[in-house]
N, C-alpha and C. Protein backbone atom coordinates (compact mmCIF):
# COMPACT_ATOMS: atom_id res chain seq x y z
N MET A 1 -4.09 5.87 24.19
CA MET A 1 -4.39 5.42 22.85
C MET A 1 -4.94 6.60 22.04
N PRO A 2 -4.45 6.80 20.81
CA PRO A 2 -4.93 7.95 20.03
C PRO A 2 -6.37 7.76 19.58
N HIS A 3 -7.03 8.87 19.41
CA HIS A 3 -8.40 8.87 18.90
C HIS A 3 -8.35 9.22 17.42
N VAL A 4 -9.07 8.45 16.61
CA VAL A 4 -9.10 8.69 15.17
C VAL A 4 -10.55 8.95 14.77
N PHE A 5 -10.75 10.05 14.07
CA PHE A 5 -12.08 10.43 13.61
C PHE A 5 -12.03 10.81 12.14
N THR A 6 -13.12 10.56 11.46
CA THR A 6 -13.29 11.07 10.11
C THR A 6 -14.27 12.22 10.19
N GLY A 7 -14.22 13.09 9.20
CA GLY A 7 -15.15 14.22 9.21
C GLY A 7 -14.74 15.27 8.20
N LYS A 8 -15.19 16.50 8.44
CA LYS A 8 -14.93 17.60 7.51
C LYS A 8 -14.29 18.77 8.25
N LEU A 9 -13.33 19.40 7.58
CA LEU A 9 -12.79 20.66 8.08
C LEU A 9 -13.77 21.77 7.72
N LYS A 10 -14.01 22.67 8.66
CA LYS A 10 -14.87 23.83 8.42
C LYS A 10 -13.99 25.06 8.26
N GLU A 11 -14.60 26.16 7.89
CA GLU A 11 -13.85 27.41 7.74
C GLU A 11 -13.12 27.71 9.06
N PRO A 12 -11.84 28.07 8.99
CA PRO A 12 -11.12 28.39 10.22
C PRO A 12 -11.56 29.76 10.77
N ILE A 13 -11.36 29.90 12.06
CA ILE A 13 -11.64 31.18 12.71
C ILE A 13 -10.30 31.83 13.02
N ILE A 14 -10.12 33.07 12.57
CA ILE A 14 -8.87 33.79 12.79
C ILE A 14 -9.13 34.95 13.75
N ASP A 15 -8.37 34.97 14.83
CA ASP A 15 -8.43 36.09 15.77
C ASP A 15 -7.54 37.18 15.19
N TYR A 16 -8.14 38.25 14.68
CA TYR A 16 -7.36 39.29 14.00
C TYR A 16 -6.48 40.10 14.94
N LEU A 17 -6.78 40.11 16.23
CA LEU A 17 -5.93 40.82 17.19
C LEU A 17 -4.64 40.06 17.45
N THR A 18 -4.76 38.72 17.65
CA THR A 18 -3.57 37.91 17.98
C THR A 18 -3.00 37.18 16.77
N GLY A 19 -3.83 37.02 15.74
CA GLY A 19 -3.39 36.25 14.57
C GLY A 19 -3.53 34.75 14.77
N ASN A 20 -4.04 34.33 15.94
CA ASN A 20 -4.22 32.90 16.21
C ASN A 20 -5.34 32.32 15.36
N LEU A 21 -5.15 31.08 15.00
CA LEU A 21 -6.09 30.38 14.14
C LEU A 21 -6.77 29.27 14.94
N THR A 22 -8.08 29.17 14.81
CA THR A 22 -8.83 28.06 15.43
C THR A 22 -9.35 27.19 14.31
N ILE A 23 -9.05 25.92 14.40
CA ILE A 23 -9.49 24.96 13.39
C ILE A 23 -10.80 24.34 13.84
N LEU A 24 -11.77 24.33 12.96
CA LEU A 24 -13.05 23.70 13.24
C LEU A 24 -13.14 22.40 12.46
N PHE A 25 -13.49 21.34 13.16
CA PHE A 25 -13.58 20.01 12.56
C PHE A 25 -14.91 19.41 12.97
N GLU A 26 -15.67 18.96 11.99
CA GLU A 26 -16.97 18.34 12.25
C GLU A 26 -16.82 16.83 12.10
N PRO A 27 -16.72 16.10 13.24
CA PRO A 27 -16.51 14.65 13.15
C PRO A 27 -17.77 13.91 12.72
N SER A 28 -17.57 12.81 12.01
CA SER A 28 -18.69 11.96 11.62
C SER A 28 -19.09 11.03 12.76
N GLU A 29 -18.14 10.76 13.65
CA GLU A 29 -18.39 9.86 14.77
C GLU A 29 -18.66 10.68 16.04
N ASP A 30 -19.16 10.01 17.07
CA ASP A 30 -19.43 10.67 18.35
C ASP A 30 -18.10 11.03 19.01
N PHE A 31 -17.88 12.31 19.23
CA PHE A 31 -16.62 12.85 19.72
C PHE A 31 -16.64 13.11 21.23
N ARG A 32 -17.80 12.99 21.86
CA ARG A 32 -17.97 13.43 23.24
C ARG A 32 -17.02 12.74 24.22
N HIS A 33 -16.85 11.45 24.11
CA HIS A 33 -15.96 10.72 25.03
C HIS A 33 -14.52 11.22 24.90
N ALA A 34 -14.06 11.37 23.67
CA ALA A 34 -12.69 11.86 23.44
C ALA A 34 -12.55 13.28 23.97
N TYR A 35 -13.56 14.10 23.77
CA TYR A 35 -13.51 15.48 24.27
C TYR A 35 -13.37 15.51 25.79
N GLU A 36 -14.19 14.72 26.47
CA GLU A 36 -14.11 14.68 27.93
C GLU A 36 -12.73 14.23 28.41
N GLU A 37 -12.16 13.29 27.71
CA GLU A 37 -10.85 12.77 28.09
C GLU A 37 -9.73 13.78 27.84
N LEU A 38 -9.86 14.59 26.80
CA LEU A 38 -8.76 15.45 26.37
C LEU A 38 -8.94 16.94 26.66
N LYS A 39 -10.10 17.36 27.11
CA LYS A 39 -10.41 18.80 27.21
C LYS A 39 -9.48 19.57 28.14
N ASP A 40 -8.92 18.93 29.15
CA ASP A 40 -8.06 19.63 30.09
C ASP A 40 -6.58 19.56 29.76
N CYS A 41 -6.23 18.94 28.63
CA CYS A 41 -4.83 18.85 28.23
C CYS A 41 -4.34 20.21 27.73
N ASP A 42 -3.14 20.59 28.17
CA ASP A 42 -2.57 21.88 27.74
C ASP A 42 -2.15 21.87 26.28
N LYS A 43 -1.71 20.71 25.82
CA LYS A 43 -1.20 20.64 24.46
C LYS A 43 -1.58 19.28 23.86
N LEU A 44 -2.03 19.30 22.62
CA LEU A 44 -2.40 18.09 21.90
C LEU A 44 -1.67 18.06 20.56
N ARG A 45 -1.53 16.87 20.02
CA ARG A 45 -0.97 16.72 18.67
C ARG A 45 -2.12 16.29 17.76
N LEU A 46 -2.31 17.00 16.66
CA LEU A 46 -3.39 16.72 15.73
C LEU A 46 -2.80 16.39 14.37
N GLU A 47 -3.22 15.29 13.81
CA GLU A 47 -2.76 14.91 12.47
C GLU A 47 -3.98 14.90 11.57
N ILE A 48 -3.92 15.66 10.48
CA ILE A 48 -5.03 15.73 9.54
C ILE A 48 -4.52 15.24 8.19
N LYS A 49 -5.22 14.29 7.60
CA LYS A 49 -4.85 13.83 6.28
C LYS A 49 -6.10 13.48 5.49
N LYS A 50 -5.93 13.47 4.19
CA LYS A 50 -7.05 13.15 3.30
C LYS A 50 -7.54 11.75 3.58
N TYR A 51 -8.85 11.62 3.67
CA TYR A 51 -9.45 10.32 3.96
C TYR A 51 -9.40 9.42 2.74
N ARG A 52 -8.96 8.21 2.95
CA ARG A 52 -9.02 7.18 1.92
C ARG A 52 -9.63 5.95 2.57
N ARG A 53 -10.65 5.44 1.94
CA ARG A 53 -11.31 4.27 2.47
C ARG A 53 -10.31 3.11 2.48
N LYS A 54 -10.30 2.37 3.56
CA LYS A 54 -9.43 1.20 3.64
C LYS A 54 -9.95 0.15 2.67
N ARG A 55 -9.04 -0.60 2.10
CA ARG A 55 -9.46 -1.65 1.19
C ARG A 55 -10.14 -2.75 1.99
N SER A 56 -11.00 -3.47 1.35
CA SER A 56 -11.74 -4.53 2.05
C SER A 56 -10.95 -5.82 2.03
N LEU A 57 -11.33 -6.72 2.93
CA LEU A 57 -10.71 -8.04 2.95
C LEU A 57 -11.06 -8.81 1.69
N ASP A 58 -12.20 -8.46 1.07
CA ASP A 58 -12.58 -9.10 -0.19
C ASP A 58 -11.52 -8.86 -1.25
N ALA A 59 -11.01 -7.64 -1.30
CA ALA A 59 -9.98 -7.30 -2.29
C ALA A 59 -8.71 -8.10 -2.03
N ASN A 60 -8.35 -8.25 -0.77
CA ASN A 60 -7.16 -9.01 -0.42
C ASN A 60 -7.33 -10.48 -0.80
N ALA A 61 -8.48 -11.04 -0.49
CA ALA A 61 -8.75 -12.45 -0.82
C ALA A 61 -8.72 -12.65 -2.34
N TYR A 62 -9.35 -11.74 -3.07
CA TYR A 62 -9.37 -11.82 -4.53
C TYR A 62 -7.95 -11.71 -5.09
N TYR A 63 -7.17 -10.79 -4.54
CA TYR A 63 -5.78 -10.61 -4.97
C TYR A 63 -5.01 -11.93 -4.85
N TRP A 64 -5.17 -12.61 -3.71
CA TRP A 64 -4.41 -13.85 -3.49
C TRP A 64 -4.92 -15.01 -4.35
N VAL A 65 -6.19 -14.99 -4.70
CA VAL A 65 -6.70 -16.00 -5.64
C VAL A 65 -6.01 -15.80 -7.00
N LEU A 66 -5.93 -14.54 -7.44
CA LEU A 66 -5.27 -14.26 -8.72
C LEU A 66 -3.77 -14.56 -8.66
N ILE A 67 -3.12 -14.24 -7.55
CA ILE A 67 -1.69 -14.54 -7.40
C ILE A 67 -1.47 -16.04 -7.57
N THR A 68 -2.32 -16.85 -6.95
CA THR A 68 -2.19 -18.30 -7.03
C THR A 68 -2.36 -18.79 -8.46
N LYS A 69 -3.36 -18.24 -9.18
CA LYS A 69 -3.58 -18.63 -10.58
C LYS A 69 -2.38 -18.24 -11.45
N LEU A 70 -1.89 -17.02 -11.28
CA LEU A 70 -0.76 -16.55 -12.08
C LEU A 70 0.50 -17.35 -11.76
N ALA A 71 0.73 -17.61 -10.49
CA ALA A 71 1.92 -18.37 -10.07
C ALA A 71 1.94 -19.75 -10.73
N LYS A 72 0.78 -20.37 -10.77
CA LYS A 72 0.68 -21.71 -11.37
C LYS A 72 1.02 -21.67 -12.86
N VAL A 73 0.50 -20.66 -13.55
CA VAL A 73 0.71 -20.54 -15.00
C VAL A 73 2.17 -20.21 -15.33
N ILE A 74 2.80 -19.32 -14.56
CA ILE A 74 4.17 -18.90 -14.90
C ILE A 74 5.23 -19.73 -14.19
N GLY A 75 4.81 -20.67 -13.33
CA GLY A 75 5.77 -21.59 -12.71
C GLY A 75 6.59 -21.01 -11.57
N LEU A 76 6.03 -20.05 -10.84
CA LEU A 76 6.72 -19.48 -9.69
C LEU A 76 5.92 -19.78 -8.43
N SER A 77 6.55 -19.59 -7.27
CA SER A 77 5.84 -19.73 -6.00
C SER A 77 4.94 -18.51 -5.79
N ASN A 78 3.97 -18.63 -4.89
CA ASN A 78 3.11 -17.48 -4.59
C ASN A 78 3.92 -16.29 -4.07
N PRO A 79 4.88 -16.49 -3.13
CA PRO A 79 5.66 -15.33 -2.68
C PRO A 79 6.46 -14.68 -3.81
N GLU A 80 7.06 -15.49 -4.70
CA GLU A 80 7.80 -14.91 -5.83
C GLU A 80 6.88 -14.09 -6.73
N THR A 81 5.70 -14.62 -6.99
CA THR A 81 4.74 -13.94 -7.85
C THR A 81 4.26 -12.65 -7.19
N HIS A 82 3.96 -12.72 -5.90
CA HIS A 82 3.53 -11.54 -5.14
C HIS A 82 4.60 -10.45 -5.21
N ASN A 83 5.86 -10.82 -4.97
CA ASN A 83 6.94 -9.84 -5.02
C ASN A 83 7.11 -9.26 -6.43
N MET A 84 6.97 -10.10 -7.44
CA MET A 84 7.07 -9.64 -8.82
C MET A 84 5.99 -8.58 -9.11
N VAL A 85 4.77 -8.83 -8.63
CA VAL A 85 3.68 -7.87 -8.84
C VAL A 85 3.95 -6.58 -8.07
N LEU A 86 4.44 -6.70 -6.83
CA LEU A 86 4.77 -5.52 -6.04
C LEU A 86 5.87 -4.69 -6.72
N TRP A 87 6.86 -5.35 -7.34
CA TRP A 87 7.94 -4.62 -8.02
C TRP A 87 7.37 -3.73 -9.11
N ARG A 88 6.33 -4.22 -9.79
CA ARG A 88 5.76 -3.46 -10.91
C ARG A 88 4.70 -2.46 -10.49
N TYR A 89 3.88 -2.83 -9.51
CA TYR A 89 2.71 -2.02 -9.19
C TYR A 89 2.60 -1.63 -7.72
N GLY A 90 3.62 -1.95 -6.93
CA GLY A 90 3.57 -1.70 -5.49
C GLY A 90 3.94 -0.28 -5.10
N GLN A 91 3.88 -0.03 -3.81
CA GLN A 91 4.13 1.29 -3.25
C GLN A 91 5.41 1.27 -2.42
N PRO A 92 6.28 2.27 -2.60
CA PRO A 92 7.51 2.32 -1.81
C PRO A 92 7.24 2.68 -0.36
N GLU A 93 8.10 2.23 0.52
CA GLU A 93 8.06 2.65 1.92
C GLU A 93 8.71 4.02 1.97
N ILE A 94 8.05 4.95 2.64
CA ILE A 94 8.54 6.33 2.71
C ILE A 94 8.74 6.72 4.17
N PHE A 95 9.91 7.26 4.49
CA PHE A 95 10.19 7.81 5.82
C PHE A 95 10.62 9.26 5.63
N GLU A 96 9.89 10.16 6.30
CA GLU A 96 10.20 11.59 6.23
C GLU A 96 10.36 12.07 4.79
N GLY A 97 9.46 11.60 3.93
CA GLY A 97 9.43 12.04 2.54
C GLY A 97 10.45 11.39 1.62
N LYS A 98 11.17 10.42 2.11
CA LYS A 98 12.22 9.78 1.31
C LYS A 98 12.00 8.27 1.22
N GLY A 99 12.35 7.71 0.06
CA GLY A 99 12.31 6.26 -0.11
C GLY A 99 13.42 5.61 0.70
N VAL A 100 13.24 4.33 0.98
CA VAL A 100 14.23 3.59 1.79
C VAL A 100 14.95 2.60 0.88
N TYR A 101 16.26 2.65 0.90
CA TYR A 101 17.09 1.78 0.07
C TYR A 101 18.09 1.04 0.94
N MET A 102 18.49 -0.15 0.48
CA MET A 102 19.52 -0.90 1.18
C MET A 102 20.33 -1.70 0.18
N THR A 103 21.53 -2.05 0.58
CA THR A 103 22.38 -2.85 -0.30
C THR A 103 22.52 -4.25 0.26
N ILE A 104 22.54 -5.21 -0.65
CA ILE A 104 22.64 -6.63 -0.31
C ILE A 104 23.65 -7.25 -1.27
N PRO A 105 24.43 -8.23 -0.82
CA PRO A 105 25.35 -8.88 -1.76
C PRO A 105 24.61 -9.33 -3.01
N ASP A 106 25.21 -9.09 -4.16
CA ASP A 106 24.59 -9.42 -5.44
C ASP A 106 24.93 -10.86 -5.81
N THR A 107 24.27 -11.79 -5.11
CA THR A 107 24.50 -13.22 -5.34
C THR A 107 23.19 -13.89 -5.69
N GLU A 108 23.27 -15.09 -6.26
CA GLU A 108 22.06 -15.85 -6.58
C GLU A 108 21.28 -16.18 -5.33
N GLY A 109 21.99 -16.53 -4.25
CA GLY A 109 21.33 -16.87 -2.99
C GLY A 109 20.55 -15.70 -2.41
N ALA A 110 21.18 -14.52 -2.43
CA ALA A 110 20.50 -13.32 -1.92
C ALA A 110 19.30 -12.97 -2.79
N ASP A 111 19.47 -13.07 -4.10
CA ASP A 111 18.38 -12.78 -5.03
C ASP A 111 17.20 -13.73 -4.79
N ARG A 112 17.48 -15.01 -4.61
CA ARG A 112 16.44 -16.00 -4.36
C ARG A 112 15.70 -15.70 -3.05
N LYS A 113 16.47 -15.31 -2.02
CA LYS A 113 15.85 -14.99 -0.73
C LYS A 113 14.93 -13.77 -0.85
N VAL A 114 15.37 -12.74 -1.57
CA VAL A 114 14.56 -11.54 -1.76
C VAL A 114 13.30 -11.88 -2.55
N ARG A 115 13.43 -12.68 -3.60
CA ARG A 115 12.27 -13.04 -4.44
C ARG A 115 11.22 -13.84 -3.68
N ASN A 116 11.64 -14.62 -2.68
CA ASN A 116 10.72 -15.46 -1.92
C ASN A 116 10.34 -14.89 -0.56
N ALA A 117 10.80 -13.69 -0.25
CA ALA A 117 10.54 -13.09 1.06
C ALA A 117 9.05 -12.82 1.26
N THR A 118 8.59 -13.07 2.47
CA THR A 118 7.20 -12.77 2.81
C THR A 118 7.11 -11.73 3.92
N ASP A 119 8.18 -11.57 4.71
CA ASP A 119 8.16 -10.61 5.83
C ASP A 119 8.58 -9.21 5.40
N TYR A 120 9.19 -9.09 4.27
CA TYR A 120 9.63 -7.81 3.73
C TYR A 120 9.57 -7.90 2.22
N HIS A 121 9.58 -6.74 1.56
CA HIS A 121 9.51 -6.71 0.10
C HIS A 121 10.54 -5.73 -0.42
N LEU A 122 11.51 -6.24 -1.16
CA LEU A 122 12.60 -5.43 -1.70
C LEU A 122 12.57 -5.50 -3.22
N GLN A 123 12.66 -4.35 -3.84
CA GLN A 123 12.66 -4.25 -5.30
C GLN A 123 14.10 -4.00 -5.77
N PRO A 124 14.66 -4.91 -6.58
CA PRO A 124 16.03 -4.70 -7.05
C PRO A 124 16.10 -3.49 -7.97
N THR A 125 17.20 -2.75 -7.88
CA THR A 125 17.45 -1.64 -8.79
C THR A 125 18.62 -2.04 -9.69
N SER A 126 18.96 -1.19 -10.62
CA SER A 126 20.09 -1.47 -11.52
C SER A 126 21.42 -1.02 -10.90
N GLN A 127 21.37 -0.44 -9.72
CA GLN A 127 22.58 0.07 -9.08
C GLN A 127 23.36 -1.06 -8.40
N VAL A 128 24.58 -1.28 -8.91
CA VAL A 128 25.47 -2.30 -8.38
C VAL A 128 26.83 -1.63 -8.12
N ARG A 129 27.45 -1.98 -7.01
CA ARG A 129 28.76 -1.41 -6.70
C ARG A 129 29.62 -2.42 -5.95
N ALA A 130 30.91 -2.22 -6.03
CA ALA A 130 31.84 -3.08 -5.30
C ALA A 130 32.06 -2.48 -3.92
N GLY A 131 31.96 -3.31 -2.89
CA GLY A 131 32.21 -2.86 -1.53
C GLY A 131 33.69 -2.88 -1.22
N LYS A 132 34.07 -2.26 -0.11
CA LYS A 132 35.47 -2.25 0.32
C LYS A 132 35.96 -3.66 0.63
N ASP A 133 35.01 -4.55 0.91
CA ASP A 133 35.36 -5.94 1.21
C ASP A 133 35.52 -6.79 -0.04
N GLY A 134 35.40 -6.15 -1.23
CA GLY A 134 35.57 -6.87 -2.48
C GLY A 134 34.32 -7.56 -2.98
N ILE A 135 33.23 -7.48 -2.22
CA ILE A 135 31.97 -8.11 -2.61
C ILE A 135 31.14 -7.12 -3.43
N ILE A 136 30.45 -7.63 -4.45
CA ILE A 136 29.56 -6.81 -5.27
C ILE A 136 28.21 -6.73 -4.57
N TYR A 137 27.68 -5.51 -4.45
CA TYR A 137 26.41 -5.27 -3.78
C TYR A 137 25.41 -4.66 -4.75
N ARG A 138 24.14 -5.06 -4.61
CA ARG A 138 23.05 -4.47 -5.38
C ARG A 138 22.19 -3.64 -4.43
N THR A 139 21.68 -2.51 -4.93
CA THR A 139 20.79 -1.66 -4.14
C THR A 139 19.35 -2.10 -4.38
N TYR A 140 18.59 -2.19 -3.30
CA TYR A 140 17.17 -2.56 -3.34
C TYR A 140 16.35 -1.44 -2.70
N ARG A 141 15.14 -1.28 -3.21
CA ARG A 141 14.20 -0.31 -2.63
C ARG A 141 13.19 -1.08 -1.78
N LEU A 142 12.93 -0.59 -0.58
CA LEU A 142 11.96 -1.21 0.32
C LEU A 142 10.55 -0.84 -0.11
N LEU A 143 9.69 -1.85 -0.26
CA LEU A 143 8.29 -1.64 -0.64
C LEU A 143 7.39 -1.94 0.55
N ARG A 144 6.24 -1.27 0.58
CA ARG A 144 5.24 -1.55 1.62
C ARG A 144 4.53 -2.86 1.32
N GLY A 145 4.15 -3.57 2.36
CA GLY A 145 3.32 -4.75 2.19
C GLY A 145 1.94 -4.35 1.72
N SER A 146 1.32 -5.16 0.87
CA SER A 146 0.02 -4.79 0.31
C SER A 146 -1.07 -4.69 1.37
N HIS A 147 -0.87 -5.30 2.55
CA HIS A 147 -1.87 -5.20 3.61
C HIS A 147 -2.01 -3.77 4.14
N THR A 148 -1.05 -2.88 3.80
CA THR A 148 -1.12 -1.48 4.24
C THR A 148 -1.78 -0.57 3.21
N TYR A 149 -2.18 -1.10 2.05
CA TYR A 149 -2.68 -0.28 0.96
C TYR A 149 -4.10 0.21 1.22
N ASN A 150 -4.36 1.45 0.79
CA ASN A 150 -5.72 1.95 0.82
C ASN A 150 -6.44 1.48 -0.45
N THR A 151 -7.68 1.89 -0.62
CA THR A 151 -8.49 1.44 -1.76
C THR A 151 -7.85 1.79 -3.10
N GLU A 152 -7.36 3.02 -3.23
CA GLU A 152 -6.77 3.46 -4.49
C GLU A 152 -5.50 2.66 -4.82
N GLU A 153 -4.65 2.44 -3.83
CA GLU A 153 -3.41 1.69 -4.04
C GLU A 153 -3.71 0.23 -4.36
N MET A 154 -4.71 -0.33 -3.67
CA MET A 154 -5.08 -1.73 -3.92
C MET A 154 -5.68 -1.88 -5.31
N ALA A 155 -6.45 -0.89 -5.75
CA ALA A 155 -7.03 -0.93 -7.10
C ALA A 155 -5.94 -0.96 -8.15
N ARG A 156 -4.90 -0.15 -7.98
CA ARG A 156 -3.77 -0.14 -8.91
C ARG A 156 -3.06 -1.49 -8.92
N LEU A 157 -2.88 -2.06 -7.74
CA LEU A 157 -2.20 -3.36 -7.63
C LEU A 157 -3.02 -4.46 -8.32
N ILE A 158 -4.32 -4.49 -8.06
CA ILE A 158 -5.18 -5.51 -8.67
C ILE A 158 -5.26 -5.31 -10.17
N ASP A 159 -5.38 -4.07 -10.61
CA ASP A 159 -5.44 -3.77 -12.04
C ASP A 159 -4.16 -4.27 -12.74
N GLY A 160 -3.02 -4.03 -12.13
CA GLY A 160 -1.75 -4.51 -12.68
C GLY A 160 -1.68 -6.02 -12.71
N LEU A 161 -2.15 -6.64 -11.64
CA LEU A 161 -2.16 -8.11 -11.56
C LEU A 161 -3.07 -8.70 -12.64
N ILE A 162 -4.20 -8.07 -12.88
CA ILE A 162 -5.11 -8.53 -13.94
C ILE A 162 -4.42 -8.46 -15.30
N THR A 163 -3.69 -7.38 -15.54
CA THR A 163 -2.93 -7.24 -16.80
C THR A 163 -1.93 -8.37 -16.94
N LEU A 164 -1.19 -8.68 -15.88
CA LEU A 164 -0.21 -9.77 -15.92
C LEU A 164 -0.90 -11.11 -16.17
N CYS A 165 -2.06 -11.31 -15.56
CA CYS A 165 -2.82 -12.56 -15.77
C CYS A 165 -3.23 -12.70 -17.24
N LYS A 166 -3.73 -11.62 -17.81
CA LYS A 166 -4.13 -11.65 -19.23
C LYS A 166 -2.92 -11.92 -20.12
N ASP A 167 -1.79 -11.25 -19.82
CA ASP A 167 -0.56 -11.45 -20.60
C ASP A 167 -0.08 -12.89 -20.51
N ALA A 168 -0.38 -13.55 -19.40
CA ALA A 168 0.04 -14.94 -19.20
C ALA A 168 -0.95 -15.93 -19.84
N GLY A 169 -2.03 -15.40 -20.44
CA GLY A 169 -2.99 -16.27 -21.12
C GLY A 169 -4.15 -16.73 -20.26
N ILE A 170 -4.33 -16.14 -19.10
CA ILE A 170 -5.47 -16.49 -18.25
C ILE A 170 -6.69 -15.74 -18.78
N SER A 171 -7.77 -16.47 -19.03
CA SER A 171 -8.96 -15.87 -19.65
C SER A 171 -9.71 -14.98 -18.67
N ASP A 172 -10.51 -14.05 -19.24
CA ASP A 172 -11.31 -13.16 -18.42
C ASP A 172 -12.23 -13.92 -17.48
N SER A 173 -12.80 -15.04 -17.96
CA SER A 173 -13.71 -15.81 -17.11
C SER A 173 -12.98 -16.47 -15.95
N GLU A 174 -11.69 -16.79 -16.12
CA GLU A 174 -10.90 -17.35 -15.02
C GLU A 174 -10.44 -16.24 -14.06
N ILE A 175 -10.31 -15.03 -14.57
CA ILE A 175 -9.85 -13.91 -13.75
C ILE A 175 -10.92 -13.48 -12.77
N ALA A 176 -12.18 -13.42 -13.21
CA ALA A 176 -13.23 -12.97 -12.30
C ALA A 176 -14.60 -13.49 -12.73
N THR A 177 -15.39 -13.83 -11.72
CA THR A 177 -16.79 -14.20 -11.96
C THR A 177 -17.56 -12.90 -12.23
N PRO A 178 -18.77 -12.99 -12.76
CA PRO A 178 -19.57 -11.77 -12.96
C PRO A 178 -19.74 -10.97 -11.67
N ASP A 179 -19.92 -11.66 -10.54
CA ASP A 179 -20.07 -10.99 -9.25
C ASP A 179 -18.79 -10.26 -8.85
N GLU A 180 -17.65 -10.91 -9.05
CA GLU A 180 -16.36 -10.28 -8.74
C GLU A 180 -16.13 -9.06 -9.63
N ARG A 181 -16.53 -9.17 -10.91
CA ARG A 181 -16.39 -8.03 -11.83
C ARG A 181 -17.19 -6.83 -11.34
N ARG A 182 -18.41 -7.09 -10.90
CA ARG A 182 -19.27 -6.01 -10.41
C ARG A 182 -18.64 -5.35 -9.19
N ILE A 183 -18.16 -6.15 -8.24
CA ILE A 183 -17.55 -5.61 -7.02
C ILE A 183 -16.30 -4.81 -7.36
N LEU A 184 -15.47 -5.35 -8.26
CA LEU A 184 -14.24 -4.64 -8.64
C LEU A 184 -14.56 -3.30 -9.29
N LYS A 185 -15.59 -3.26 -10.12
CA LYS A 185 -15.98 -2.03 -10.79
C LYS A 185 -16.54 -1.02 -9.78
N GLU A 186 -17.46 -1.49 -8.91
CA GLU A 186 -18.11 -0.60 -7.96
C GLU A 186 -17.14 -0.05 -6.91
N ARG A 187 -16.33 -0.93 -6.34
CA ARG A 187 -15.49 -0.53 -5.21
C ARG A 187 -14.15 0.07 -5.61
N TYR A 188 -13.61 -0.41 -6.74
CA TYR A 188 -12.24 -0.04 -7.06
C TYR A 188 -12.07 0.61 -8.44
N GLY A 189 -13.12 0.64 -9.24
CA GLY A 189 -13.01 1.21 -10.57
C GLY A 189 -12.21 0.35 -11.53
N VAL A 190 -12.01 -0.91 -11.17
CA VAL A 190 -11.23 -1.85 -12.00
C VAL A 190 -12.20 -2.58 -12.92
N GLU A 191 -11.93 -2.53 -14.23
CA GLU A 191 -12.77 -3.24 -15.20
C GLU A 191 -12.00 -4.38 -15.83
N ILE A 192 -12.69 -5.50 -16.04
CA ILE A 192 -12.08 -6.66 -16.67
C ILE A 192 -12.77 -6.90 -18.00
N GLY A 193 -11.98 -7.06 -19.05
CA GLY A 193 -12.53 -7.37 -20.36
C GLY A 193 -13.01 -6.16 -21.11
């Protein structure tokens, strides 16, 4: 099982004779157990990326409360509303630096299935083409599920959802209680009203 630590990179040490670089990392968590387990390994794989705080379950719960309110006002199901919000404010799935696209028959049935999907999220594009089989296909972009979003991505999603709620005529008081407003401001930088 991989070990994951947060911390700070320190100035690297460069051996000027060999040109080899030693990376210094100061972990915030206790590293001793991982060190004992890995110290005799000849080769390790290290992944370093910018730390982003994971979004809280509070944000997810709040998001779904707003989705339910918006869905009721605009007359769509919760999955349809969720997908609509993801199309506007969601994050694409990226593999090896590239977005993921797929083609699906351009039919009402396929469109309805995509709009109501809960296991995957596809954003329709304007690209339509005829297949060799004579069927018209539309290209869709694969989006990440919101459960994978970090704090910054979730803030953008909630901020967009709040805009849609306001556009649909949902009042600020229905969008968030004073306590929810404070939490949204403190944790996500999202302001209402």
